[in-house]
């Protein structure tokens, strides 16, 4: 739907929304919307999919954060602390997903970026702390011969690299390339969610 052309491909000037200390250049998109996930929340009909998906996805994330917290019963002090942090991070991610729906990329870009950063940072913290919290619990769980613990750390590594690459590329004006790493960061968080499936089966 984002390939439909029209306003999506026209020059977009959001410099009037830029804080004075940042200047307005970084909020001017000469080639139209960059392929960020957020670009789907600007125009119809993709805005419907974006808003519904983000809103209910955020609610589900909050519920999942509580469910995972209660199912994770670590014994070590470090693991217990990480379990609490993962709960808080999961709530922040879910709440931010709900909030970002009310701040479209093209009409409320500063608040949109704020909530997006909450999601991106929260995802990295959530992956790391939940991996630590469930490290000993899921020691015997694997997927196609790969220990689930190693897969989770791989997801964390991808998330951290993607975030760093994404922000660096935005700073240098390479928006299309930056958007690609935004997608890989998102996929790493989704991959982390999938690792909970074998861990939460009755045999686990």
N, C-alpha and C. Protein backbone atom coordinates (compact mmCIF):
# COMPACT_ATOMS: atom_id res chain seq x y z
N UNK A 1 0.82 -1.21 0.00
CA UNK A 1 0.00 0.00 0.00
C UNK A 1 0.86 1.26 0.00
N UNK A 2 2.06 1.18 0.60
CA UNK A 2 2.92 2.35 0.63
C UNK A 2 3.52 2.67 -0.73
N UNK A 3 3.37 1.78 -1.67
CA UNK A 3 3.90 1.99 -3.01
C UNK A 3 2.88 2.63 -3.94
N UNK A 4 1.79 3.13 -3.35
CA UNK A 4 0.70 3.66 -4.15
C UNK A 4 0.97 5.01 -4.78
N UNK A 5 2.08 5.65 -4.42
CA UNK A 5 2.42 6.93 -5.03
C UNK A 5 1.60 8.07 -4.46
N UNK A 6 1.37 9.08 -5.27
CA UNK A 6 0.61 10.25 -4.83
C UNK A 6 1.40 11.07 -3.83
N UNK A 7 0.73 11.48 -2.75
CA UNK A 7 1.36 12.33 -1.74
C UNK A 7 2.58 11.68 -1.11
N UNK A 8 2.63 10.36 -1.10
CA UNK A 8 3.74 9.63 -0.48
C UNK A 8 5.07 9.95 -1.16
N UNK A 9 5.02 10.24 -2.45
CA UNK A 9 6.24 10.48 -3.22
C UNK A 9 6.57 11.95 -3.40
N UNK A 10 5.73 12.82 -2.87
CA UNK A 10 5.95 14.25 -3.03
C UNK A 10 6.86 14.78 -1.93
N UNK A 11 7.47 15.92 -2.20
CA UNK A 11 8.36 16.55 -1.21
C UNK A 11 7.59 16.81 0.07
N UNK A 12 8.21 16.45 1.20
CA UNK A 12 7.56 16.58 2.50
C UNK A 12 8.39 17.52 3.37
N UNK A 13 7.81 18.64 3.75
CA UNK A 13 8.50 19.62 4.57
C UNK A 13 7.83 19.70 5.94
N UNK A 14 8.52 19.15 6.93
CA UNK A 14 8.01 19.17 8.30
C UNK A 14 8.88 20.06 9.19
N UNK A 15 9.60 21.00 8.57
CA UNK A 15 10.53 21.85 9.31
C UNK A 15 9.82 22.73 10.33
N UNK A 16 8.52 23.01 10.11
CA UNK A 16 7.79 23.83 11.07
C UNK A 16 7.58 23.11 12.40
N UNK A 17 7.78 21.78 12.40
CA UNK A 17 7.63 21.00 13.63
C UNK A 17 8.97 20.80 14.35
N UNK A 18 10.05 21.27 13.74
CA UNK A 18 11.38 21.04 14.28
C UNK A 18 11.67 21.94 15.48
N UNK A 19 12.23 21.38 16.55
CA UNK A 19 12.69 22.24 17.66
C UNK A 19 13.75 23.22 17.16
N UNK A 20 13.79 24.41 17.72
CA UNK A 20 14.68 25.46 17.24
C UNK A 20 16.15 25.04 17.28
N UNK A 21 16.52 24.27 18.31
CA UNK A 21 17.94 23.91 18.45
C UNK A 21 18.39 22.90 17.41
N UNK A 22 17.45 22.23 16.76
CA UNK A 22 17.82 21.22 15.76
C UNK A 22 17.85 21.78 14.34
N UNK A 23 17.19 22.89 14.13
CA UNK A 23 17.08 23.39 12.76
C UNK A 23 16.01 22.60 12.02
N UNK A 24 15.75 22.95 10.78
CA UNK A 24 14.67 22.29 10.07
C UNK A 24 15.10 21.35 8.96
N UNK A 25 16.41 21.33 8.65
CA UNK A 25 16.86 20.55 7.49
C UNK A 25 16.56 19.06 7.60
N UNK A 26 16.71 18.50 8.80
CA UNK A 26 16.53 17.06 8.97
C UNK A 26 15.07 16.64 8.88
N UNK A 27 14.17 17.61 8.85
CA UNK A 27 12.75 17.30 8.75
C UNK A 27 12.17 17.63 7.37
N UNK A 28 13.06 17.77 6.39
CA UNK A 28 12.63 17.99 5.01
C UNK A 28 13.00 16.75 4.20
N UNK A 29 12.01 16.12 3.59
CA UNK A 29 12.22 14.89 2.83
C UNK A 29 11.94 15.19 1.36
N UNK A 30 13.01 15.38 0.60
CA UNK A 30 12.89 15.79 -0.79
C UNK A 30 12.22 14.74 -1.67
N UNK A 31 12.42 13.47 -1.36
CA UNK A 31 11.88 12.39 -2.19
C UNK A 31 10.63 11.76 -1.59
N UNK A 32 9.95 12.47 -0.73
CA UNK A 32 8.75 11.93 -0.12
C UNK A 32 9.06 11.08 1.10
N UNK A 33 8.10 10.31 1.50
CA UNK A 33 8.26 9.50 2.71
C UNK A 33 9.36 8.46 2.55
N UNK A 34 10.30 8.40 3.49
CA UNK A 34 11.27 7.31 3.48
C UNK A 34 10.57 6.02 3.89
N UNK A 35 11.14 4.86 3.56
CA UNK A 35 10.43 3.59 3.82
C UNK A 35 10.49 3.11 5.27
N UNK A 36 10.34 4.03 6.21
CA UNK A 36 10.25 3.64 7.61
C UNK A 36 8.88 3.02 7.88
N UNK A 37 8.82 2.22 8.91
CA UNK A 37 7.54 1.63 9.30
C UNK A 37 6.53 2.73 9.58
N UNK A 38 6.98 3.82 10.18
CA UNK A 38 6.11 4.92 10.55
C UNK A 38 5.43 5.58 9.36
N UNK A 39 6.03 5.46 8.19
CA UNK A 39 5.43 6.08 7.01
C UNK A 39 4.07 5.49 6.69
N UNK A 40 3.80 4.30 7.20
CA UNK A 40 2.50 3.67 6.96
C UNK A 40 1.39 4.30 7.78
N UNK A 41 1.74 5.15 8.75
CA UNK A 41 0.72 5.74 9.60
C UNK A 41 0.27 7.11 9.18
N UNK A 42 0.61 7.51 7.95
CA UNK A 42 0.30 8.87 7.52
C UNK A 42 -0.96 8.96 6.67
N UNK A 43 -1.10 8.10 5.67
CA UNK A 43 -2.21 8.22 4.73
C UNK A 43 -3.06 6.95 4.71
N UNK A 44 -4.29 7.13 4.28
CA UNK A 44 -5.18 6.00 4.07
C UNK A 44 -4.83 5.33 2.75
N UNK A 45 -5.06 4.03 2.58
CA UNK A 45 -5.70 3.13 3.55
C UNK A 45 -4.72 2.45 4.51
N UNK A 46 -3.40 2.60 4.27
CA UNK A 46 -2.45 1.88 5.12
C UNK A 46 -2.48 2.36 6.56
N UNK A 47 -2.97 3.60 6.78
CA UNK A 47 -3.05 4.12 8.14
C UNK A 47 -3.97 3.26 9.01
N UNK A 48 -5.00 2.70 8.41
CA UNK A 48 -5.92 1.84 9.17
C UNK A 48 -5.18 0.61 9.68
N UNK A 49 -4.40 -0.02 8.80
CA UNK A 49 -3.63 -1.20 9.18
C UNK A 49 -2.61 -0.84 10.25
N UNK A 50 -1.93 0.28 10.05
CA UNK A 50 -0.91 0.73 10.99
C UNK A 50 -1.50 0.99 12.38
N UNK A 51 -2.58 1.75 12.44
CA UNK A 51 -3.17 2.12 13.72
C UNK A 51 -3.73 0.92 14.47
N UNK A 52 -4.45 0.06 13.75
CA UNK A 52 -5.02 -1.12 14.40
C UNK A 52 -3.91 -2.06 14.87
N UNK A 53 -2.93 -2.27 13.98
CA UNK A 53 -1.83 -3.17 14.31
C UNK A 53 -1.01 -2.69 15.50
N UNK A 54 -0.66 -1.40 15.51
CA UNK A 54 0.15 -0.86 16.60
C UNK A 54 -0.62 -0.80 17.91
N UNK A 55 -1.89 -0.41 17.84
CA UNK A 55 -2.67 -0.29 19.07
C UNK A 55 -2.86 -1.65 19.74
N UNK A 56 -3.40 -2.60 18.99
CA UNK A 56 -3.65 -3.91 19.59
C UNK A 56 -2.35 -4.66 19.85
N UNK A 57 -1.33 -4.41 19.01
CA UNK A 57 -0.03 -5.00 19.26
C UNK A 57 0.55 -4.52 20.58
N UNK A 58 0.35 -3.23 20.88
CA UNK A 58 0.83 -2.67 22.14
C UNK A 58 0.12 -3.26 23.34
N UNK A 59 -1.21 -3.41 23.22
CA UNK A 59 -1.99 -4.01 24.31
C UNK A 59 -1.54 -5.45 24.56
N UNK A 60 -1.36 -6.20 23.47
CA UNK A 60 -0.92 -7.58 23.59
C UNK A 60 0.48 -7.66 24.20
N UNK A 61 1.34 -6.71 23.84
CA UNK A 61 2.70 -6.70 24.39
C UNK A 61 2.68 -6.50 25.89
N UNK A 62 1.82 -5.63 26.38
CA UNK A 62 1.71 -5.41 27.83
C UNK A 62 1.24 -6.67 28.52
N UNK A 63 0.22 -7.32 27.94
CA UNK A 63 -0.29 -8.57 28.52
C UNK A 63 0.79 -9.64 28.51
N UNK A 64 1.52 -9.73 27.40
CA UNK A 64 2.59 -10.72 27.28
C UNK A 64 3.71 -10.45 28.29
N UNK A 65 4.00 -9.17 28.54
CA UNK A 65 5.04 -8.82 29.51
C UNK A 65 4.68 -9.34 30.90
N UNK A 66 3.42 -9.17 31.29
CA UNK A 66 2.97 -9.69 32.59
C UNK A 66 2.97 -11.21 32.61
N UNK A 67 2.50 -11.81 31.53
CA UNK A 67 2.44 -13.27 31.45
C UNK A 67 3.84 -13.87 31.53
N UNK A 68 4.77 -13.30 30.80
CA UNK A 68 6.15 -13.80 30.82
C UNK A 68 6.77 -13.61 32.19
N UNK A 69 6.50 -12.48 32.81
CA UNK A 69 7.03 -12.20 34.14
C UNK A 69 6.58 -13.27 35.14
N UNK A 70 5.30 -13.61 35.10
CA UNK A 70 4.76 -14.58 36.05
C UNK A 70 5.21 -16.01 35.74
N UNK A 71 5.49 -16.30 34.47
CA UNK A 71 5.96 -17.64 34.10
C UNK A 71 7.46 -17.81 34.31
N UNK A 72 8.15 -16.70 34.47
CA UNK A 72 9.59 -16.75 34.69
C UNK A 72 9.86 -16.65 36.18
N UNK A 73 10.34 -17.73 36.76
CA UNK A 73 10.58 -17.77 38.20
C UNK A 73 12.05 -18.14 38.45
N UNK A 74 12.94 -17.19 38.21
CA UNK A 74 14.38 -17.46 38.40
C UNK A 74 14.74 -17.55 39.87
N UNK A 75 15.89 -18.15 40.15
CA UNK A 75 16.34 -18.30 41.53
C UNK A 75 17.42 -17.29 41.91
N UNK A 76 18.32 -16.96 40.99
CA UNK A 76 19.39 -16.04 41.29
C UNK A 76 18.91 -14.61 41.42
N UNK A 77 19.64 -13.81 42.21
CA UNK A 77 19.27 -12.41 42.43
C UNK A 77 19.35 -11.61 41.14
N UNK A 78 20.41 -11.83 40.36
CA UNK A 78 20.56 -11.10 39.10
C UNK A 78 19.42 -11.42 38.15
N UNK A 79 19.05 -12.70 38.09
CA UNK A 79 17.97 -13.13 37.21
C UNK A 79 16.62 -12.54 37.65
N UNK A 80 16.42 -12.45 38.97
CA UNK A 80 15.17 -11.88 39.47
C UNK A 80 15.07 -10.40 39.13
N UNK A 81 16.19 -9.69 39.27
CA UNK A 81 16.19 -8.27 38.92
C UNK A 81 15.92 -8.08 37.43
N UNK A 82 16.55 -8.91 36.62
CA UNK A 82 16.35 -8.82 35.17
C UNK A 82 14.91 -9.16 34.79
N UNK A 83 14.29 -10.05 35.53
CA UNK A 83 12.89 -10.39 35.26
C UNK A 83 11.99 -9.17 35.50
N UNK A 84 12.27 -8.43 36.56
CA UNK A 84 11.49 -7.23 36.85
C UNK A 84 11.74 -6.16 35.78
N UNK A 85 13.01 -6.01 35.39
CA UNK A 85 13.35 -5.01 34.37
C UNK A 85 12.69 -5.37 33.03
N UNK A 86 12.67 -6.66 32.71
CA UNK A 86 12.04 -7.08 31.45
C UNK A 86 10.55 -6.79 31.46
N UNK A 87 9.91 -6.92 32.64
CA UNK A 87 8.50 -6.57 32.77
C UNK A 87 8.29 -5.09 32.50
N UNK A 88 9.11 -4.25 33.14
CA UNK A 88 8.99 -2.80 32.96
C UNK A 88 9.24 -2.42 31.50
N UNK A 89 10.28 -3.01 30.89
CA UNK A 89 10.60 -2.71 29.49
C UNK A 89 9.46 -3.13 28.58
N UNK A 90 8.87 -4.29 28.86
CA UNK A 90 7.74 -4.76 28.04
C UNK A 90 6.54 -3.83 28.14
N UNK A 91 6.28 -3.32 29.33
CA UNK A 91 5.17 -2.38 29.52
C UNK A 91 5.45 -1.08 28.77
N UNK A 92 6.68 -0.61 28.85
CA UNK A 92 7.06 0.63 28.14
C UNK A 92 6.89 0.45 26.63
N UNK A 93 7.33 -0.70 26.12
CA UNK A 93 7.18 -0.97 24.68
C UNK A 93 5.71 -0.94 24.28
N UNK A 94 4.89 -1.69 25.02
CA UNK A 94 3.47 -1.76 24.69
C UNK A 94 2.77 -0.43 24.79
N UNK A 95 3.05 0.32 25.87
CA UNK A 95 2.43 1.63 26.06
C UNK A 95 2.85 2.59 24.95
N UNK A 96 4.12 2.53 24.57
CA UNK A 96 4.63 3.41 23.51
C UNK A 96 4.00 3.08 22.16
N UNK A 97 3.76 1.79 21.91
CA UNK A 97 3.10 1.39 20.67
C UNK A 97 1.69 1.95 20.59
N UNK A 98 1.00 1.95 21.72
CA UNK A 98 -0.35 2.52 21.76
C UNK A 98 -0.29 4.03 21.56
N UNK A 99 0.66 4.69 22.21
CA UNK A 99 0.76 6.15 22.14
C UNK A 99 1.15 6.64 20.75
N UNK A 100 1.99 5.89 20.06
CA UNK A 100 2.50 6.35 18.76
C UNK A 100 1.39 6.45 17.72
N UNK A 101 0.31 5.71 17.94
CA UNK A 101 -0.84 5.78 17.02
C UNK A 101 -1.43 7.18 17.00
N UNK A 102 -1.41 7.85 18.13
CA UNK A 102 -1.97 9.19 18.23
C UNK A 102 -1.04 10.29 17.77
N UNK A 103 0.16 9.92 17.32
CA UNK A 103 1.14 10.92 16.87
C UNK A 103 1.71 10.50 15.52
N UNK A 104 0.94 10.72 14.45
CA UNK A 104 1.40 10.33 13.11
C UNK A 104 2.72 10.99 12.72
N UNK A 105 3.46 10.31 11.88
CA UNK A 105 4.77 10.76 11.43
C UNK A 105 4.72 12.13 10.78
N UNK A 106 3.65 12.42 10.05
CA UNK A 106 3.60 13.65 9.26
C UNK A 106 2.95 14.83 9.98
N UNK A 107 2.32 14.60 11.13
CA UNK A 107 1.66 15.70 11.83
C UNK A 107 2.19 15.93 13.24
N UNK A 108 2.90 14.96 13.79
CA UNK A 108 3.44 15.08 15.14
C UNK A 108 4.78 14.35 15.21
N UNK A 109 5.72 14.81 14.39
CA UNK A 109 6.95 14.05 14.17
C UNK A 109 7.84 13.97 15.42
N UNK A 110 7.89 15.03 16.23
CA UNK A 110 8.76 15.02 17.41
C UNK A 110 8.28 13.99 18.42
N UNK A 111 6.98 14.01 18.74
CA UNK A 111 6.44 13.03 19.68
C UNK A 111 6.47 11.62 19.08
N UNK A 112 6.30 11.55 17.77
CA UNK A 112 6.38 10.25 17.10
C UNK A 112 7.77 9.65 17.28
N UNK A 113 8.79 10.47 17.09
CA UNK A 113 10.17 10.00 17.27
C UNK A 113 10.42 9.62 18.73
N UNK A 114 9.87 10.40 19.65
CA UNK A 114 10.04 10.10 21.08
C UNK A 114 9.50 8.71 21.41
N UNK A 115 8.27 8.43 21.01
CA UNK A 115 7.66 7.13 21.31
C UNK A 115 8.36 6.02 20.55
N UNK A 116 8.84 6.30 19.35
CA UNK A 116 9.58 5.29 18.58
C UNK A 116 10.87 4.93 19.30
N UNK A 117 11.56 5.94 19.84
CA UNK A 117 12.80 5.67 20.59
C UNK A 117 12.51 4.85 21.84
N UNK A 118 11.39 5.12 22.49
CA UNK A 118 11.00 4.31 23.65
C UNK A 118 10.83 2.84 23.26
N UNK A 119 10.25 2.62 22.08
CA UNK A 119 10.06 1.25 21.59
C UNK A 119 11.40 0.62 21.27
N UNK A 120 12.26 1.34 20.56
CA UNK A 120 13.55 0.78 20.12
C UNK A 120 14.47 0.49 21.31
N UNK A 121 14.60 1.43 22.23
CA UNK A 121 15.43 1.21 23.41
C UNK A 121 14.82 0.14 24.30
N UNK A 122 13.49 0.21 24.46
CA UNK A 122 12.81 -0.78 25.28
C UNK A 122 12.99 -2.19 24.74
N UNK A 123 12.97 -2.34 23.42
CA UNK A 123 13.13 -3.66 22.82
C UNK A 123 14.50 -4.25 23.13
N UNK A 124 15.52 -3.41 23.05
CA UNK A 124 16.87 -3.91 23.35
C UNK A 124 17.01 -4.34 24.81
N UNK A 125 16.47 -3.52 25.71
CA UNK A 125 16.53 -3.85 27.14
C UNK A 125 15.70 -5.10 27.42
N UNK A 126 14.54 -5.19 26.80
CA UNK A 126 13.64 -6.33 27.01
C UNK A 126 14.29 -7.63 26.56
N UNK A 127 14.89 -7.63 25.38
CA UNK A 127 15.53 -8.85 24.87
C UNK A 127 16.66 -9.28 25.79
N UNK A 128 17.51 -8.35 26.19
CA UNK A 128 18.68 -8.69 27.01
C UNK A 128 18.27 -9.19 28.38
N UNK A 129 17.38 -8.45 29.05
CA UNK A 129 17.03 -8.82 30.42
C UNK A 129 16.21 -10.10 30.48
N UNK A 130 15.33 -10.30 29.52
CA UNK A 130 14.55 -11.55 29.52
C UNK A 130 15.44 -12.74 29.20
N UNK A 131 16.43 -12.54 28.34
CA UNK A 131 17.38 -13.61 28.03
C UNK A 131 18.15 -14.01 29.29
N UNK A 132 18.57 -13.03 30.06
CA UNK A 132 19.29 -13.32 31.30
C UNK A 132 18.37 -13.98 32.32
N UNK A 133 17.15 -13.44 32.45
CA UNK A 133 16.20 -13.95 33.44
C UNK A 133 15.85 -15.42 33.20
N UNK A 134 15.74 -15.81 31.91
CA UNK A 134 15.33 -17.17 31.58
C UNK A 134 16.51 -18.05 31.20
N UNK A 135 17.73 -17.56 31.41
CA UNK A 135 18.92 -18.31 31.00
C UNK A 135 19.00 -19.72 31.57
N UNK A 136 18.84 -19.84 32.89
CA UNK A 136 18.92 -21.15 33.53
C UNK A 136 17.63 -21.94 33.37
N UNK A 137 16.51 -21.25 33.28
CA UNK A 137 15.22 -21.93 33.14
C UNK A 137 15.12 -22.67 31.82
N UNK A 138 15.60 -22.04 30.74
CA UNK A 138 15.47 -22.60 29.40
C UNK A 138 16.74 -23.28 28.91
N UNK A 139 17.58 -23.71 29.85
CA UNK A 139 18.88 -24.25 29.46
C UNK A 139 18.74 -25.49 28.57
N UNK A 140 17.67 -26.24 28.71
CA UNK A 140 17.49 -27.45 27.90
C UNK A 140 16.60 -27.26 26.69
N UNK A 141 16.16 -26.03 26.45
CA UNK A 141 15.25 -25.75 25.33
C UNK A 141 16.06 -25.39 24.09
N UNK A 142 15.67 -25.97 22.97
CA UNK A 142 16.37 -25.69 21.71
C UNK A 142 15.37 -25.62 20.57
N UNK A 143 15.84 -25.08 19.46
CA UNK A 143 15.03 -25.01 18.23
C UNK A 143 15.90 -25.50 17.08
N UNK A 144 15.50 -26.63 16.51
CA UNK A 144 16.25 -27.24 15.41
C UNK A 144 17.73 -27.43 15.76
N UNK A 145 17.96 -27.83 16.99
CA UNK A 145 19.32 -28.11 17.44
C UNK A 145 20.08 -26.92 17.98
N UNK A 146 19.50 -25.73 17.86
CA UNK A 146 20.15 -24.52 18.36
C UNK A 146 19.61 -24.19 19.74
N UNK A 147 20.47 -24.06 20.75
CA UNK A 147 20.00 -23.67 22.09
C UNK A 147 19.25 -22.34 22.03
N UNK A 148 18.09 -22.31 22.64
CA UNK A 148 17.25 -21.12 22.56
C UNK A 148 17.95 -19.92 23.17
N UNK A 149 18.82 -20.16 24.15
CA UNK A 149 19.57 -19.09 24.80
C UNK A 149 20.49 -18.39 23.79
N UNK A 150 21.14 -19.18 22.96
CA UNK A 150 22.04 -18.60 21.95
C UNK A 150 21.26 -17.82 20.90
N UNK A 151 20.11 -18.32 20.54
CA UNK A 151 19.28 -17.62 19.56
C UNK A 151 18.85 -16.26 20.11
N UNK A 152 18.51 -16.21 21.38
CA UNK A 152 18.09 -14.95 21.99
C UNK A 152 19.23 -13.94 22.02
N UNK A 153 20.44 -14.39 22.33
CA UNK A 153 21.56 -13.46 22.32
C UNK A 153 21.86 -12.99 20.90
N UNK A 154 21.62 -13.86 19.92
CA UNK A 154 21.80 -13.45 18.53
C UNK A 154 20.78 -12.37 18.16
N UNK A 155 19.52 -12.53 18.64
CA UNK A 155 18.50 -11.52 18.41
C UNK A 155 18.90 -10.19 19.06
N UNK A 156 19.49 -10.28 20.24
CA UNK A 156 19.94 -9.07 20.93
C UNK A 156 21.05 -8.38 20.14
N UNK A 157 22.00 -9.17 19.66
CA UNK A 157 23.10 -8.60 18.87
C UNK A 157 22.59 -7.92 17.61
N UNK A 158 21.64 -8.54 16.94
CA UNK A 158 21.05 -7.95 15.73
C UNK A 158 20.33 -6.65 16.08
N UNK A 159 19.60 -6.66 17.20
CA UNK A 159 18.86 -5.46 17.62
C UNK A 159 19.80 -4.29 17.90
N UNK A 160 20.86 -4.55 18.64
CA UNK A 160 21.81 -3.49 19.00
C UNK A 160 22.51 -2.95 17.75
N UNK A 161 22.98 -3.86 16.89
CA UNK A 161 23.66 -3.43 15.67
C UNK A 161 22.70 -2.63 14.78
N UNK A 162 21.48 -3.11 14.65
CA UNK A 162 20.50 -2.44 13.80
C UNK A 162 20.19 -1.04 14.31
N UNK A 163 20.06 -0.90 15.63
CA UNK A 163 19.76 0.41 16.20
C UNK A 163 20.90 1.39 15.97
N UNK A 164 22.12 0.92 16.21
CA UNK A 164 23.28 1.79 16.01
C UNK A 164 23.41 2.20 14.54
N UNK A 165 23.24 1.23 13.64
CA UNK A 165 23.33 1.52 12.22
C UNK A 165 22.21 2.46 11.78
N UNK A 166 21.01 2.23 12.29
CA UNK A 166 19.86 3.05 11.93
C UNK A 166 20.08 4.51 12.32
N UNK A 167 20.52 4.75 13.56
CA UNK A 167 20.72 6.12 14.01
C UNK A 167 21.89 6.80 13.29
N UNK A 168 22.95 6.04 13.04
CA UNK A 168 24.10 6.61 12.33
C UNK A 168 23.73 6.99 10.90
N UNK A 169 22.95 6.17 10.24
CA UNK A 169 22.55 6.45 8.87
C UNK A 169 21.57 7.61 8.78
N UNK A 170 20.72 7.76 9.79
CA UNK A 170 19.83 8.93 9.82
C UNK A 170 20.67 10.20 9.95
N UNK A 171 21.66 10.15 10.83
CA UNK A 171 22.52 11.32 11.06
C UNK A 171 23.29 11.73 9.81
N UNK A 172 23.59 10.75 8.94
CA UNK A 172 24.34 11.06 7.72
C UNK A 172 23.43 11.25 6.51
N UNK A 173 22.12 11.22 6.74
CA UNK A 173 21.18 11.50 5.66
C UNK A 173 20.84 10.32 4.78
N UNK A 174 21.25 9.11 5.15
CA UNK A 174 20.94 7.92 4.36
C UNK A 174 19.66 7.27 4.89
N UNK A 175 18.52 7.86 4.56
CA UNK A 175 17.26 7.46 5.16
C UNK A 175 16.78 6.09 4.70
N UNK A 176 16.96 5.79 3.42
CA UNK A 176 16.50 4.49 2.90
C UNK A 176 17.27 3.36 3.57
N UNK A 177 18.58 3.51 3.65
CA UNK A 177 19.40 2.48 4.30
C UNK A 177 19.06 2.39 5.78
N UNK A 178 18.79 3.54 6.42
CA UNK A 178 18.42 3.54 7.83
C UNK A 178 17.12 2.78 8.06
N UNK A 179 16.18 2.97 7.15
CA UNK A 179 14.89 2.29 7.28
C UNK A 179 15.05 0.77 7.21
N UNK A 180 16.00 0.30 6.42
CA UNK A 180 16.25 -1.14 6.33
C UNK A 180 16.65 -1.70 7.69
N UNK A 181 17.47 -0.95 8.43
CA UNK A 181 17.90 -1.42 9.74
C UNK A 181 16.80 -1.27 10.78
N UNK A 182 15.88 -0.33 10.55
CA UNK A 182 14.72 -0.26 11.44
C UNK A 182 13.90 -1.55 11.32
N UNK A 183 13.77 -2.05 10.11
CA UNK A 183 13.04 -3.30 9.90
C UNK A 183 13.76 -4.48 10.53
N UNK A 184 15.10 -4.54 10.43
CA UNK A 184 15.83 -5.66 11.03
C UNK A 184 15.74 -5.59 12.56
N UNK A 185 15.71 -4.38 13.12
CA UNK A 185 15.52 -4.24 14.57
C UNK A 185 14.16 -4.76 14.97
N UNK A 186 13.15 -4.44 14.18
CA UNK A 186 11.80 -4.92 14.46
C UNK A 186 11.73 -6.44 14.37
N UNK A 187 12.36 -6.99 13.33
CA UNK A 187 12.33 -8.45 13.15
C UNK A 187 13.07 -9.17 14.28
N UNK A 188 14.11 -8.55 14.82
CA UNK A 188 14.84 -9.19 15.92
C UNK A 188 13.97 -9.27 17.17
N UNK A 189 13.19 -8.22 17.43
CA UNK A 189 12.27 -8.25 18.57
C UNK A 189 11.17 -9.29 18.35
N UNK A 190 10.68 -9.38 17.12
CA UNK A 190 9.68 -10.40 16.81
C UNK A 190 10.27 -11.79 16.92
N UNK A 191 11.54 -11.93 16.54
CA UNK A 191 12.22 -13.21 16.68
C UNK A 191 12.33 -13.61 18.14
N UNK A 192 12.58 -12.62 19.01
CA UNK A 192 12.64 -12.89 20.45
C UNK A 192 11.30 -13.40 20.94
N UNK A 193 10.22 -12.82 20.46
CA UNK A 193 8.89 -13.30 20.84
C UNK A 193 8.70 -14.77 20.44
N UNK A 194 9.18 -15.12 19.26
CA UNK A 194 9.01 -16.49 18.78
C UNK A 194 9.79 -17.49 19.63
N UNK A 195 10.90 -17.04 20.25
CA UNK A 195 11.69 -17.97 21.06
C UNK A 195 10.94 -18.37 22.33
N UNK A 196 9.88 -17.63 22.66
CA UNK A 196 9.11 -17.97 23.85
C UNK A 196 8.16 -19.14 23.60
N UNK A 197 7.89 -19.43 22.33
CA UNK A 197 6.96 -20.51 22.00
C UNK A 197 7.48 -21.86 22.49
N UNK A 198 8.70 -22.30 22.10
CA UNK A 198 9.18 -23.57 22.63
C UNK A 198 9.43 -23.55 24.13
N UNK A 199 9.74 -22.37 24.68
CA UNK A 199 10.01 -22.28 26.12
C UNK A 199 8.74 -22.41 26.94
N UNK A 200 7.60 -22.01 26.37
CA UNK A 200 6.35 -22.04 27.11
C UNK A 200 5.49 -23.27 26.80
N UNK A 201 6.01 -24.20 26.03
CA UNK A 201 5.27 -25.43 25.78
C UNK A 201 5.27 -26.26 27.05
N UNK A 202 4.32 -27.20 27.21
CA UNK A 202 4.25 -28.01 28.43
C UNK A 202 5.52 -28.76 28.76
N UNK A 203 6.27 -29.17 27.71
CA UNK A 203 7.50 -29.92 27.96
C UNK A 203 8.61 -29.07 28.51
N UNK A 204 8.48 -27.72 28.32
CA UNK A 204 9.50 -26.79 28.81
C UNK A 204 9.31 -26.49 30.28
